[in-house]
Amino acid sequence: MFATPARHNAMLVVGLDIGGANLKAATSDGAAVDRPFALWKHPERLSSELRSLIESLPKADAIAVTMTGELADCFVSKAEGVRSIVAAVQAAADVPVRFWQTGGEFLVASDAVELPRLVAAANWHALATFCGRVAPHGPGLLIDIGSTTTDLIPLLDGQVHSDGMTDLERLRSGELVYSGATRTPLCAFGSTVRVAGNDMPLAAELFATSRDVHLLLGNLPEDPTDSDTADGRPATCNFAMARLSRMACSDPDEIGNEFLHQFAEALAERQRRIINDALEQVLCRLDHPPHVLLSGSGSFIAERILGDMPNSSFSDVTLLANLFAKHVARSACAFAVAKLAAERLTL
């Protein structure tokens, strides 16, 4: 289904998805790699990190780029962020580079810098444009829940049909929700949650994130080698319990395992409610129940939300991870922009 149409001398393209916390790359023929990178801490290292990422993949004829990292607060503005990322990619690449924009076209570097609002935060658009072919007729809806955000992208006859194009417009329309599977601070879920029949106030500190909730509930696997957590300790259930306890200004032996699991369930339910409220806002604008496409590391959250909705709310559900190889699914936006470039560009 995702094969590039055969043509003479087809290009091999490396797609880059440059975020504020992760760098992802994939080739148009299905090789993929991703790695954490705190852009907001080390913007001066972006070019060397990208060069290393590109060199880990087969030599390409071109590089296609989409980004969200321009929002990192190491930049004074998104326009500055776009300029910096464009410059870093050009310094890292020794082949032609093109940048995806929300008008549905690729731009050369000089145009990308001149049109930063079209290039900024365009990875959702690349993914939806590519995956829209899975729902080629009638209304569709791509639900992509990643580490940090949720995208709710309306489609019509396989084409992007969103109300908003910029992050600001999409936040206002409900098409962008700043809630994801791993990086969302739990204090962003609200000031209190209902646990065991009582209101439990949440500490307004970065003590724990959504990853800790989903670790404790078994929705995400443990990774003792990964310390990209709120306290810098490993991503294991034991440490997740300690982080979650701090959200109630306590320790695990003080709050108890049973309460911690109830606490995690309540927080997960609150996150689903936040995303569901935006989903209802988007669905009410569609004329007919959509074919829903699920994507992202947090697709298990979307599956639970849809499972609680009437079947009449959607016509069909497709889990895109079943159509990608597992390693490619982790870098879906990078793969999408690589495939789009391989299909559309003539250099």
C-alpha atoms as a PDB file:
ATOM      1  CA  MET A   1       0.000   0.000   0.000  1.00  0.00           C
ATOM      2  CA  PHE A   2       2.830   2.402   0.767  1.00  0.00           C
ATOM      3  CA  ALA A   3       5.051   1.498  -2.173  1.00  0.00           C
ATOM      4  CA  THR A   4       6.405   4.380  -4.242  1.00  0.00           C
ATOM      5  CA  PRO A   5       5.154   4.194  -7.838  1.00  0.00           C
ATOM      6  CA  ALA A   6       7.846   2.594 -10.014  1.00  0.00           C
ATOM      7  CA  ARG A   7       9.705   4.973 -12.318  1.00  0.00           C
ATOM      8  CA  HIS A   8      13.005   5.106 -14.120  1.00  0.00           C
ATOM      9  CA  ASN A   9      15.957   6.113 -11.910  1.00  0.00           C
ATOM     10  CA  ALA A  10      13.754   6.643  -8.839  1.00  0.00           C
ATOM     11  CA  MET A  11      15.498   8.709  -6.190  1.00  0.00           C
ATOM     12  CA  LEU A  12      16.395   7.513  -2.732  1.00  0.00           C
ATOM     13  CA  VAL A  13      15.360  10.224  -0.295  1.00  0.00           C
ATOM     14  CA  VAL A  14      16.145  10.610   3.401  1.00  0.00           C
ATOM     15  CA  GLY A  15      13.321  12.252   5.320  1.00  0.00           C
ATOM     16  CA  LEU A  16      14.081  14.193   8.497  1.00  0.00           C
ATOM     17  CA  ASP A  17      11.567  15.044  11.205  1.00  0.00           C
ATOM     18  CA  ILE A  18      13.305  17.585  13.438  1.00  0.00           C
ATOM     19  CA  GLY A  19      11.595  18.095  16.794  1.00  0.00           C
ATOM     20  CA  GLY A  20      12.518  19.854  19.987  1.00  0.00           C
ATOM     21  CA  ALA A  21      13.175  16.614  21.866  1.00  0.00           C
ATOM     22  CA  ASN A  22      13.721  13.956  19.186  1.00  0.00           C
ATOM     23  CA  LEU A  23      15.364  13.614  15.786  1.00  0.00           C
ATOM     24  CA  LYS A  24      13.875  11.064  13.386  1.00  0.00           C
ATOM     25  CA  ALA A  25      15.034   9.955   9.970  1.00  0.00           C
ATOM     26  CA  ALA A  26      13.800   7.460   7.400  1.00  0.00           C
ATOM     27  CA  THR A  27      14.567   6.610   3.798  1.00  0.00           C
ATOM     28  CA  SER A  28      11.949   6.355   1.102  1.00  0.00           C
ATOM     29  CA  ASP A  29      12.668   2.606   0.870  1.00  0.00           C
ATOM     30  CA  GLY A  30      12.020   1.945   4.564  1.00  0.00           C
ATOM     31  CA  ALA A  31      15.213   2.256   6.613  1.00  0.00           C
ATOM     32  CA  ALA A  32      14.659   4.335   9.754  1.00  0.00           C
ATOM     33  CA  VAL A  33      16.404   5.587  12.866  1.00  0.00           C
ATOM     34  CA  ASP A  34      15.496   7.925  15.718  1.00  0.00           C
ATOM     35  CA  ARG A  35      17.267   9.322  18.731  1.00  0.00           C
ATOM     36  CA  PRO A  36      16.543  11.779  21.552  1.00  0.00           C
ATOM     37  CA  PHE A  37      18.113  15.216  21.231  1.00  0.00           C
ATOM     38  CA  ALA A  38      17.294  18.170  23.495  1.00  0.00           C
ATOM     39  CA  LEU A  39      17.380  20.893  20.860  1.00  0.00           C
ATOM     40  CA  TRP A  40      16.354  23.563  23.358  1.00  0.00           C
ATOM     41  CA  LYS A  41      19.481  22.819  25.406  1.00  0.00           C
ATOM     42  CA  HIS A  42      22.027  22.389  22.608  1.00  0.00           C
ATOM     43  CA  PRO A  43      20.922  24.165  19.392  1.00  0.00           C
ATOM     44  CA  GLU A  44      24.580  24.619  18.425  1.00  0.00           C
ATOM     45  CA  ARG A  45      24.942  20.824  18.134  1.00  0.00           C
ATOM     46  CA  LEU A  46      22.006  20.298  15.780  1.00  0.00           C
ATOM     47  CA  SER A  47      24.051  20.212  12.587  1.00  0.00           C
ATOM     48  CA  SER A  48      26.502  17.610  13.887  1.00  0.00           C
ATOM     49  CA  GLU A  49      23.643  15.500  15.290  1.00  0.00           C
ATOM     50  CA  LEU A  50      21.871  15.613  11.935  1.00  0.00           C
ATOM     51  CA  ARG A  51      25.052  14.707  10.077  1.00  0.00           C
ATOM     52  CA  SER A  52      25.504  11.662  12.306  1.00  0.00           C
ATOM     53  CA  LEU A  53      21.863  10.683  11.761  1.00  0.00           C
ATOM     54  CA  ILE A  54      22.111  11.037   7.979  1.00  0.00           C
ATOM     55  CA  GLU A  55      25.372   9.080   7.850  1.00  0.00           C
ATOM     56  CA  SER A  56      23.735   6.183   9.706  1.00  0.00           C
ATOM     57  CA  LEU A  57      21.437   5.619   6.707  1.00  0.00           C
ATOM     58  CA  PRO A  58      22.188   4.631   3.100  1.00  0.00           C
ATOM     59  CA  LYS A  59      23.519   7.419   0.907  1.00  0.00           C
ATOM     60  CA  ALA A  60      20.591   9.399  -0.501  1.00  0.00           C
ATOM     61  CA  ASP A  61      20.033  11.501  -3.621  1.00  0.00           C
ATOM     62  CA  ALA A  62      18.113  14.157  -1.679  1.00  0.00           C
ATOM     63  CA  ILE A  63      16.934  15.091   1.786  1.00  0.00           C
ATOM     64  CA  ALA A  64      13.369  16.101   2.614  1.00  0.00           C
ATOM     65  CA  VAL A  65      12.703  17.918   5.874  1.00  0.00           C
ATOM     66  CA  THR A  66       9.789  18.620   8.135  1.00  0.00           C
ATOM     67  CA  MET A  67      10.063  20.184  11.560  1.00  0.00           C
ATOM     68  CA  THR A  68       8.479  21.163  14.860  1.00  0.00           C
ATOM     69  CA  GLY A  69      11.698  22.131  16.657  1.00  0.00           C
ATOM     70  CA  GLU A  70      11.356  25.785  15.692  1.00  0.00           C
ATOM     71  CA  LEU A  71       9.076  26.207  18.748  1.00  0.00           C
ATOM     72  CA  ALA A  72      11.936  25.348  21.143  1.00  0.00           C
ATOM     73  CA  ASP A  73      12.469  28.246  23.530  1.00  0.00           C
ATOM     74  CA  CYS A  74      16.154  28.516  22.705  1.00  0.00           C
ATOM     75  CA  PHE A  75      14.921  30.549  19.733  1.00  0.00           C
ATOM     76  CA  VAL A  76      13.553  34.077  20.090  1.00  0.00           C
ATOM     77  CA  SER A  77      10.810  33.337  17.567  1.00  0.00           C
ATOM     78  CA  LYS A  78       9.570  30.550  15.329  1.00  0.00           C
ATOM     79  CA  ALA A  79      11.011  32.411  12.336  1.00  0.00           C
ATOM     80  CA  GLU A  80      14.444  32.339  13.983  1.00  0.00           C
ATOM     81  CA  GLY A  81      13.943  28.667  14.741  1.00  0.00           C
ATOM     82  CA  VAL A  82      13.141  27.883  11.106  1.00  0.00           C
ATOM     83  CA  ARG A  83      16.209  29.823   9.940  1.00  0.00           C
ATOM     84  CA  SER A  84      18.435  27.993  12.412  1.00  0.00           C
ATOM     85  CA  ILE A  85      17.095  24.537  11.517  1.00  0.00           C
ATOM     86  CA  VAL A  86      17.307  25.224   7.779  1.00  0.00           C
ATOM     87  CA  ALA A  87      20.934  26.332   8.189  1.00  0.00           C
ATOM     88  CA  ALA A  88      21.785  23.283  10.297  1.00  0.00           C
ATOM     89  CA  VAL A  89      20.329  20.874   7.723  1.00  0.00           C
ATOM     90  CA  GLN A  90      22.192  22.559   4.883  1.00  0.00           C
ATOM     91  CA  ALA A  91      25.441  22.359   6.829  1.00  0.00           C
ATOM     92  CA  ALA A  92      24.861  18.656   7.533  1.00  0.00           C
ATOM     93  CA  ALA A  93      23.844  17.637   4.002  1.00  0.00           C
ATOM     94  CA  ASP A  94      25.888  17.167   0.845  1.00  0.00           C
ATOM     95  CA  VAL A  95      22.871  16.553  -1.421  1.00  0.00           C
ATOM     96  CA  PRO A  96      19.905  18.763  -2.385  1.00  0.00           C
ATOM     97  CA  VAL A  97      17.542  19.603   0.486  1.00  0.00           C
ATOM     98  CA  ARG A  98      13.826  20.415   0.270  1.00  0.00           C
ATOM     99  CA  PHE A  99      11.441  21.502   3.031  1.00  0.00           C
ATOM    100  CA  TRP A 100       7.788  20.477   3.330  1.00  0.00           C
ATOM    101  CA  GLN A 101       5.248  23.239   3.875  1.00  0.00           C
ATOM    102  CA  THR A 102       1.581  23.198   4.802  1.00  0.00           C
ATOM    103  CA  GLY A 103       0.577  24.313   1.318  1.00  0.00           C
ATOM    104  CA  GLY A 104       1.383  20.745   0.295  1.00  0.00           C
ATOM    105  CA  GLU A 105       4.592  21.478  -1.600  1.00  0.00           C
ATOM    106  CA  PHE A 106       8.342  21.323  -1.132  1.00  0.00           C
ATOM    107  CA  LEU A 107      10.424  24.491  -0.868  1.00  0.00           C
ATOM    108  CA  VAL A 108      14.103  25.210  -1.401  1.00  0.00           C
ATOM    109  CA  ALA A 109      15.971  26.603   1.608  1.00  0.00           C
ATOM    110  CA  SER A 110      15.731  30.276   0.641  1.00  0.00           C
ATOM    111  CA  ASP A 111      11.952  30.045   0.249  1.00  0.00           C
ATOM    112  CA  ALA A 112      11.605  28.107   3.495  1.00  0.00           C
ATOM    113  CA  VAL A 113      13.342  30.943   5.341  1.00  0.00           C
ATOM    114  CA  GLU A 114      11.114  33.505   3.622  1.00  0.00           C
ATOM    115  CA  LEU A 115       7.930  31.580   4.509  1.00  0.00           C
ATOM    116  CA  PRO A 116       8.552  30.350   8.064  1.00  0.00           C
ATOM    117  CA  ARG A 117       4.879  30.078   9.051  1.00  0.00           C
ATOM    118  CA  LEU A 118       4.287  27.581   6.257  1.00  0.00           C
ATOM    119  CA  VAL A 119       7.344  25.475   7.141  1.00  0.00           C
ATOM    120  CA  ALA A 120       6.962  25.628  10.933  1.00  0.00           C
ATOM    121  CA  ALA A 121       5.253  22.626  12.557  1.00  0.00           C
ATOM    122  CA  ALA A 122       4.461  20.992   9.207  1.00  0.00           C
ATOM    123  CA  ASN A 123       5.153  17.353  10.091  1.00  0.00           C
ATOM    124  CA  TRP A 124       1.469  16.628  10.827  1.00  0.00           C
ATOM    125  CA  HIS A 125       0.598  17.847   7.334  1.00  0.00           C
ATOM    126  CA  ALA A 126       3.206  15.635   5.676  1.00  0.00           C
ATOM    127  CA  LEU A 127       1.968  12.574   7.559  1.00  0.00           C
ATOM    128  CA  ALA A 128      -1.683  13.299   6.758  1.00  0.00           C
ATOM    129  CA  THR A 129      -0.935  14.022   3.095  1.00  0.00           C
ATOM    130  CA  PHE A 130       0.868  10.719   2.706  1.00  0.00           C
ATOM    131  CA  CYS A 131      -1.482   8.557   4.786  1.00  0.00           C
ATOM    132  CA  GLY A 132      -4.629  10.055   3.301  1.00  0.00           C
ATOM    133  CA  ARG A 133      -4.388   7.436   0.556  1.00  0.00           C
ATOM    134  CA  VAL A 134      -5.564   4.870   3.114  1.00  0.00           C
ATOM    135  CA  ALA A 135      -8.931   6.689   3.284  1.00  0.00           C
ATOM    136  CA  PRO A 136      -9.378   7.858  -0.331  1.00  0.00           C
ATOM    137  CA  HIS A 137     -13.153   8.315  -0.302  1.00  0.00           C
ATOM    138  CA  GLY A 138     -15.312  10.510   1.888  1.00  0.00           C
ATOM    139  CA  PRO A 139     -14.428  11.909   5.300  1.00  0.00           C
ATOM    140  CA  GLY A 140     -11.421  10.664   7.230  1.00  0.00           C
ATOM    141  CA  LEU A 141      -9.678  11.578  10.453  1.00  0.00           C
ATOM    142  CA  LEU A 142      -6.024  10.988  11.306  1.00  0.00           C
ATOM    143  CA  ILE A 143      -5.439  10.739  15.059  1.00  0.00           C
ATOM    144  CA  ASP A 144      -1.713  10.901  15.723  1.00  0.00           C
ATOM    145  CA  ILE A 145      -0.693  10.781  19.389  1.00  0.00           C
ATOM    146  CA  GLY A 146       3.028  11.185  19.847  1.00  0.00           C
ATOM    147  CA  SER A 147       5.294  11.791  22.809  1.00  0.00           C
ATOM    148  CA  THR A 148       4.206  15.397  23.317  1.00  0.00           C
ATOM    149  CA  THR A 149       1.099  16.256  21.309  1.00  0.00           C
ATOM    150  CA  THR A 150      -2.045  14.875  19.730  1.00  0.00           C
ATOM    151  CA  ASP A 151      -3.004  15.780  16.151  1.00  0.00           C
ATOM    152  CA  LEU A 152      -6.628  15.402  15.057  1.00  0.00           C
ATOM    153  CA  ILE A 153      -6.494  15.948  11.291  1.00  0.00           C
ATOM    154  CA  PRO A 154      -9.674  15.910   9.193  1.00  0.00           C
ATOM    155  CA  LEU A 155      -9.381  14.423   5.703  1.00  0.00           C
ATOM    156  CA  LEU A 156     -11.740  14.529   2.746  1.00  0.00           C
ATOM    157  CA  ASP A 157     -11.294  12.129  -0.174  1.00  0.00           C
ATOM    158  CA  GLY A 158      -7.767  11.449   1.017  1.00  0.00           C
ATOM    159  CA  GLN A 159      -6.728  15.118   1.199  1.00  0.00           C
ATOM    160  CA  VAL A 160      -6.000  17.264   4.250  1.00  0.00           C
ATOM    161  CA  HIS A 161      -9.184  19.170   5.130  1.00  0.00           C
ATOM    162  CA  SER A 162      -8.253  20.886   8.395  1.00  0.00           C
ATOM    163  CA  ASP A 163      -9.666  24.116   9.794  1.00  0.00           C
ATOM    164  CA  GLY A 164      -6.247  25.298  10.925  1.00  0.00           C
ATOM    165  CA  MET A 165      -2.787  25.293   9.385  1.00  0.00           C
ATOM    166  CA  THR A 166      -0.620  26.982  12.017  1.00  0.00           C
ATOM    167  CA  ASP A 167      -0.235  25.662  15.556  1.00  0.00           C
ATOM    168  CA  LEU A 168      -2.216  28.634  16.855  1.00  0.00           C
ATOM    169  CA  GLU A 169      -5.107  27.962  14.490  1.00  0.00           C
ATOM    170  CA  ARG A 170      -5.050  24.244  15.212  1.00  0.00           C
ATOM    171  CA  LEU A 171      -5.014  24.751  18.988  1.00  0.00           C
ATOM    172  CA  ARG A 172      -8.063  26.993  18.683  1.00  0.00           C
ATOM    173  CA  SER A 173      -9.904  24.532  16.430  1.00  0.00           C
ATOM    174  CA  GLY A 174      -9.215  21.480  18.616  1.00  0.00           C
ATOM    175  CA  GLU A 175      -7.045  19.886  15.909  1.00  0.00           C
ATOM    176  CA  LEU A 176      -3.899  20.157  18.078  1.00  0.00           C
ATOM    177  CA  VAL A 177      -3.871  19.064  21.713  1.00  0.00           C
ATOM    178  CA  TYR A 178      -0.739  19.524  23.798  1.00  0.00           C
ATOM    179  CA  SER A 179      -0.983  16.122  25.438  1.00  0.00           C
ATOM    180  CA  GLY A 180       1.128  13.110  24.529  1.00  0.00           C
ATOM    181  CA  ALA A 181       2.135   9.657  25.663  1.00  0.00           C
ATOM    182  CA  THR A 182       5.419  10.422  27.422  1.00  0.00           C
ATOM    183  CA  ARG A 183       6.492  14.063  27.805  1.00  0.00           C
ATOM    184  CA  THR A 184       3.375  15.816  29.133  1.00  0.00           C
ATOM    185  CA  PRO A 185       3.810  17.131  32.702  1.00  0.00           C
ATOM    186  CA  LEU A 186       1.050  15.678  34.870  1.00  0.00           C
ATOM    187  CA  CYS A 187       0.256  19.093  36.332  1.00  0.00           C
ATOM    188  CA  ALA A 188      -0.979  19.996  32.814  1.00  0.00           C
ATOM    189  CA  PHE A 189      -3.884  17.577  33.337  1.00  0.00           C
ATOM    190  CA  GLY A 190      -5.504  19.959  35.837  1.00  0.00           C
ATOM    191  CA  SER A 191      -5.270  21.076  39.438  1.00  0.00           C
ATOM    192  CA  THR A 192      -7.032  17.992  40.875  1.00  0.00           C
ATOM    193  CA  VAL A 193      -8.145  14.497  39.892  1.00  0.00           C
ATOM    194  CA  ARG A 194     -10.783  12.276  41.468  1.00  0.00           C
ATOM    195  CA  VAL A 195      -9.205   9.262  43.200  1.00  0.00           C
ATOM    196  CA  ALA A 196     -11.145   6.726  45.261  1.00  0.00           C
ATOM    197  CA  GLY A 197     -14.059   9.132  45.633  1.00  0.00           C
ATOM    198  CA  ASN A 198     -11.962  12.097  46.765  1.00  0.00           C
ATOM    199  CA  ASP A 199     -10.373  15.056  45.045  1.00  0.00           C
ATOM    200  CA  MET A 200      -6.576  14.716  44.904  1.00  0.00           C
ATOM    201  CA  PRO A 201      -4.796  18.040  44.288  1.00  0.00           C
ATOM    202  CA  LEU A 202      -1.765  17.846  42.024  1.00  0.00           C
ATOM    203  CA  ALA A 203       1.539  19.519  42.820  1.00  0.00           C
ATOM    204  CA  ALA A 204       2.217  22.205  40.223  1.00  0.00           C
ATOM    205  CA  GLU A 205       5.757  20.966  39.600  1.00  0.00           C
ATOM    206  CA  LEU A 206       7.501  18.925  36.915  1.00  0.00           C
ATOM    207  CA  PHE A 207       7.701  15.907  39.214  1.00  0.00           C
ATOM    208  CA  ALA A 208       6.275  13.355  36.756  1.00  0.00           C
ATOM    209  CA  THR A 209       5.022  13.035  33.195  1.00  0.00           C
ATOM    210  CA  SER A 210       2.489  11.020  31.245  1.00  0.00           C
ATOM    211  CA  ARG A 211       5.178   8.400  30.672  1.00  0.00           C
ATOM    212  CA  ASP A 212       5.117   7.530  34.367  1.00  0.00           C
ATOM    213  CA  VAL A 213       1.360   6.991  34.286  1.00  0.00           C
ATOM    214  CA  HIS A 214       1.577   4.712  31.273  1.00  0.00           C
ATOM    215  CA  LEU A 215       4.573   2.828  32.649  1.00  0.00           C
ATOM    216  CA  LEU A 216       2.683   2.067  35.823  1.00  0.00           C
ATOM    217  CA  LEU A 217      -0.421   0.978  33.902  1.00  0.00           C
ATOM    218  CA  GLY A 218       1.585  -1.265  31.559  1.00  0.00           C
ATOM    219  CA  ASN A 219       0.801   0.796  28.452  1.00  0.00           C
ATOM    220  CA  LEU A 220       4.484   1.489  27.803  1.00  0.00           C
ATOM    221  CA  PRO A 221       7.482  -0.800  28.305  1.00  0.00           C
ATOM    222  CA  GLU A 222      10.137  -0.167  30.908  1.00  0.00           C
ATOM    223  CA  ASP A 223      13.559   0.965  29.697  1.00  0.00           C
ATOM    224  CA  PRO A 224      16.244   0.955  32.409  1.00  0.00           C
ATOM    225  CA  THR A 225      18.716   2.547  29.966  1.00  0.00           C
ATOM    226  CA  ASP A 226      16.529   5.619  29.357  1.00  0.00           C
ATOM    227  CA  SER A 227      16.776   8.433  31.890  1.00  0.00           C
ATOM    228  CA  ASP A 228      14.905  11.061  29.876  1.00  0.00           C
ATOM    229  CA  THR A 229      12.420  11.464  32.735  1.00  0.00           C
ATOM    230  CA  ALA A 230      11.315  14.235  35.062  1.00  0.00           C
ATOM    231  CA  ASP A 231      13.941  13.396  37.700  1.00  0.00           C
ATOM    232  CA  GLY A 232      16.635  11.943  35.451  1.00  0.00           C
ATOM    233  CA  ARG A 233      16.190   8.456  36.883  1.00  0.00           C
ATOM    234  CA  PRO A 234      15.437   5.434  34.668  1.00  0.00           C
ATOM    235  CA  ALA A 235      12.101   4.794  32.972  1.00  0.00           C
ATOM    236  CA  THR A 236      11.107   1.860  35.173  1.00  0.00           C
ATOM    237  CA  CYS A 237       7.961   1.178  37.181  1.00  0.00           C
ATOM    238  CA  ASN A 238       9.715   1.580  40.533  1.00  0.00           C
ATOM    239  CA  PHE A 239      11.045   5.010  39.675  1.00  0.00           C
ATOM    240  CA  ALA A 240       7.743   5.935  37.994  1.00  0.00           C
ATOM    241  CA  MET A 241       5.993   5.187  41.312  1.00  0.00           C
ATOM    242  CA  ALA A 242       8.392   7.530  43.109  1.00  0.00           C
ATOM    243  CA  ARG A 243       7.833  10.294  40.562  1.00  0.00           C
ATOM    244  CA  LEU A 244       4.062   9.838  40.668  1.00  0.00           C
ATOM    245  CA  SER A 245       4.110   9.939  44.482  1.00  0.00           C
ATOM    246  CA  ARG A 246       5.726  13.364  44.367  1.00  0.00           C
ATOM    247  CA  MET A 247       2.706  14.667  42.459  1.00  0.00           C
ATOM    248  CA  ALA A 248       0.879  14.066  45.758  1.00  0.00           C
ATOM    249  CA  CYS A 249       3.835  15.455  47.768  1.00  0.00           C
ATOM    250  CA  SER A 250       4.562  12.006  49.188  1.00  0.00           C
ATOM    251  CA  ASP A 251       6.707   8.874  48.888  1.00  0.00           C
ATOM    252  CA  PRO A 252       5.535   5.434  47.658  1.00  0.00           C
ATOM    253  CA  ASP A 253       5.612   3.906  51.154  1.00  0.00           C
ATOM    254  CA  GLU A 254       3.517   6.798  52.422  1.00  0.00           C
ATOM    255  CA  ILE A 255       0.876   6.802  49.709  1.00  0.00           C
ATOM    256  CA  GLY A 256       0.745   3.035  49.064  1.00  0.00           C
ATOM    257  CA  ASN A 257       0.777   0.921  45.898  1.00  0.00           C
ATOM    258  CA  GLU A 258      -2.994   0.558  45.651  1.00  0.00           C
ATOM    259  CA  PHE A 259      -3.540   4.310  45.786  1.00  0.00           C
ATOM    260  CA  LEU A 260      -0.727   4.872  43.269  1.00  0.00           C
ATOM    261  CA  HIS A 261      -2.411   2.602  40.730  1.00  0.00           C
ATOM    262  CA  GLN A 262      -5.758   4.319  41.314  1.00  0.00           C
ATOM    263  CA  PHE A 263      -3.965   7.653  40.969  1.00  0.00           C
ATOM    264  CA  ALA A 264      -2.441   6.554  37.656  1.00  0.00           C
ATOM    265  CA  GLU A 265      -5.833   5.328  36.387  1.00  0.00           C
ATOM    266  CA  ALA A 266      -7.421   8.669  37.297  1.00  0.00           C
ATOM    267  CA  LEU A 267      -4.679  10.607  35.527  1.00  0.00           C
ATOM    268  CA  ALA A 268      -4.944   8.430  32.415  1.00  0.00           C
ATOM    269  CA  GLU A 269      -8.708   8.961  32.387  1.00  0.00           C
ATOM    270  CA  ARG A 270      -8.191  12.732  32.689  1.00  0.00           C
ATOM    271  CA  GLN A 271      -5.822  12.692  29.717  1.00  0.00           C
ATOM    272  CA  ARG A 272      -8.345  10.736  27.659  1.00  0.00           C
ATOM    273  CA  ARG A 273     -11.034  13.248  28.585  1.00  0.00           C
ATOM    274  CA  ILE A 274      -8.847  16.174  27.468  1.00  0.00           C
ATOM    275  CA  ILE A 275      -8.196  14.526  24.103  1.00  0.00           C
ATOM    276  CA  ASN A 276     -11.792  13.331  23.768  1.00  0.00           C
ATOM    277  CA  ASP A 277     -13.126  16.865  24.297  1.00  0.00           C
ATOM    278  CA  ALA A 278     -11.028  18.070  21.360  1.00  0.00           C
ATOM    279  CA  LEU A 279     -12.032  15.025  19.314  1.00  0.00           C
ATOM    280  CA  GLU A 280     -15.728  15.813  19.838  1.00  0.00           C
ATOM    281  CA  GLN A 281     -15.041  19.379  18.737  1.00  0.00           C
ATOM    282  CA  VAL A 282     -13.498  18.124  15.486  1.00  0.00           C
ATOM    283  CA  LEU A 283     -16.070  15.385  14.838  1.00  0.00           C
ATOM    284  CA  CYS A 284     -19.000  17.798  15.120  1.00  0.00           C
ATOM    285  CA  ARG A 285     -17.685  19.655  12.064  1.00  0.00           C
ATOM    286  CA  LEU A 286     -17.719  16.533   9.857  1.00  0.00           C
ATOM    287  CA  ASP A 287     -20.774  15.766   7.730  1.00  0.00           C
ATOM    288  CA  HIS A 288     -20.516  11.983   8.114  1.00  0.00           C
ATOM    289  CA  PRO A 289     -18.714   9.493  10.406  1.00  0.00           C
ATOM    290  CA  PRO A 290     -15.072   9.356   9.279  1.00  0.00           C
ATOM    291  CA  HIS A 291     -12.686   6.534   8.501  1.00  0.00           C
ATOM    292  CA  VAL A 292     -10.278   6.940  11.422  1.00  0.00           C
ATOM    293  CA  LEU A 293      -6.528   6.397  11.001  1.00  0.00           C
ATOM    294  CA  LEU A 294      -4.523   5.871  14.193  1.00  0.00           C
ATOM    295  CA  SER A 295      -0.828   6.666  14.408  1.00  0.00           C
ATOM    296  CA  GLY A 296       1.922   7.446  16.886  1.00  0.00           C
ATOM    297  CA  SER A 297       3.522   6.038  20.005  1.00  0.00           C
ATOM    298  CA  GLY A 298       0.377   6.910  21.958  1.00  0.00           C
ATOM    299  CA  SER A 299      -2.099   5.207  19.636  1.00  0.00           C
ATOM    300  CA  PHE A 300      -3.132   2.999  22.582  1.00  0.00           C
ATOM    301  CA  ILE A 301      -4.704   6.134  24.108  1.00  0.00           C
ATOM    302  CA  ALA A 302      -6.723   6.749  20.951  1.00  0.00           C
ATOM    303  CA  GLU A 303      -7.815   3.109  20.819  1.00  0.00           C
ATOM    304  CA  ARG A 304      -9.181   3.388  24.366  1.00  0.00           C
ATOM    305  CA  ILE A 305     -11.003   6.635  23.541  1.00  0.00           C
ATOM    306  CA  LEU A 306     -12.592   5.153  20.425  1.00  0.00           C
ATOM    307  CA  GLY A 307     -13.512   2.012  22.338  1.00  0.00           C
ATOM    308  CA  ASP A 308     -15.594   4.136  24.707  1.00  0.00           C
ATOM    309  CA  MET A 309     -17.438   5.877  21.853  1.00  0.00           C
ATOM    310  CA  PRO A 310     -20.502   4.602  19.964  1.00  0.00           C
ATOM    311  CA  ASN A 311     -19.559   2.674  16.809  1.00  0.00           C
ATOM    312  CA  SER A 312     -21.715   5.119  14.847  1.00  0.00           C
ATOM    313  CA  SER A 313     -19.123   7.831  15.536  1.00  0.00           C
ATOM    314  CA  PHE A 314     -16.820   6.449  12.818  1.00  0.00           C
ATOM    315  CA  SER A 315     -17.127   4.283   9.711  1.00  0.00           C
ATOM    316  CA  ASP A 316     -13.881   2.324  10.061  1.00  0.00           C
ATOM    317  CA  VAL A 317     -10.638   2.327  12.044  1.00  0.00           C
ATOM    318  CA  THR A 318      -7.176   1.577  10.626  1.00  0.00           C
ATOM    319  CA  LEU A 319      -4.098   1.287  12.841  1.00  0.00           C
ATOM    320  CA  LEU A 320      -1.299   2.617  10.663  1.00  0.00           C
ATOM    321  CA  ALA A 321       1.327   0.759  12.694  1.00  0.00           C
ATOM    322  CA  ASN A 322      -0.002  -2.423  11.074  1.00  0.00           C
ATOM    323  CA  LEU A 323       0.859  -0.989   7.651  1.00  0.00           C
ATOM    324  CA  PHE A 324       4.385   0.154   8.542  1.00  0.00           C
ATOM    325  CA  ALA A 325       7.316  -1.909   9.710  1.00  0.00           C
ATOM    326  CA  LYS A 326       7.729  -1.357  13.469  1.00  0.00           C
ATOM    327  CA  HIS A 327      10.966   0.611  13.149  1.00  0.00           C
ATOM    328  CA  VAL A 328       9.409   2.830  10.475  1.00  0.00           C
ATOM    329  CA  ALA A 329       6.285   3.477  12.562  1.00  0.00           C
ATOM    330  CA  ARG A 330       8.477   5.205  15.173  1.00  0.00           C
ATOM    331  CA  SER A 331       9.583   7.679  12.489  1.00  0.00           C
ATOM    332  CA  ALA A 332       6.337   7.908  10.531  1.00  0.00           C
ATOM    333  CA  CYS A 333       6.524  11.636   9.718  1.00  0.00           C
ATOM    334  CA  ALA A 334      10.097  11.283   8.458  1.00  0.00           C
ATOM    335  CA  PHE A 335       9.075   8.305   6.335  1.00  0.00           C
ATOM    336  CA  ALA A 336       6.048  10.192   4.999  1.00  0.00           C
ATOM    337  CA  VAL A 337       8.057  13.213   3.909  1.00  0.00           C
ATOM    338  CA  ALA A 338      10.692  10.949   2.321  1.00  0.00           C
ATOM    339  CA  LYS A 339       8.032   9.077   0.338  1.00  0.00           C
ATOM    340  CA  LEU A 340       6.326  12.298  -0.743  1.00  0.00           C
ATOM    341  CA  ALA A 341       9.647  13.651  -1.973  1.00  0.00           C
ATOM    342  CA  ALA A 342      10.472  10.438  -3.830  1.00  0.00           C
ATOM    343  CA  GLU A 343       7.097  10.598  -5.543  1.00  0.00           C
ATOM    344  CA  ARG A 344       7.038  14.310  -6.353  1.00  0.00           C
ATOM    345  CA  LEU A 345      10.530  15.768  -6.695  1.00  0.00           C
ATOM    346  CA  THR A 346      12.564  15.999  -9.873  1.00  0.00           C
ATOM    347  CA  LEU A 347      16.030  17.388  -9.140  1.00  0.00           C
END
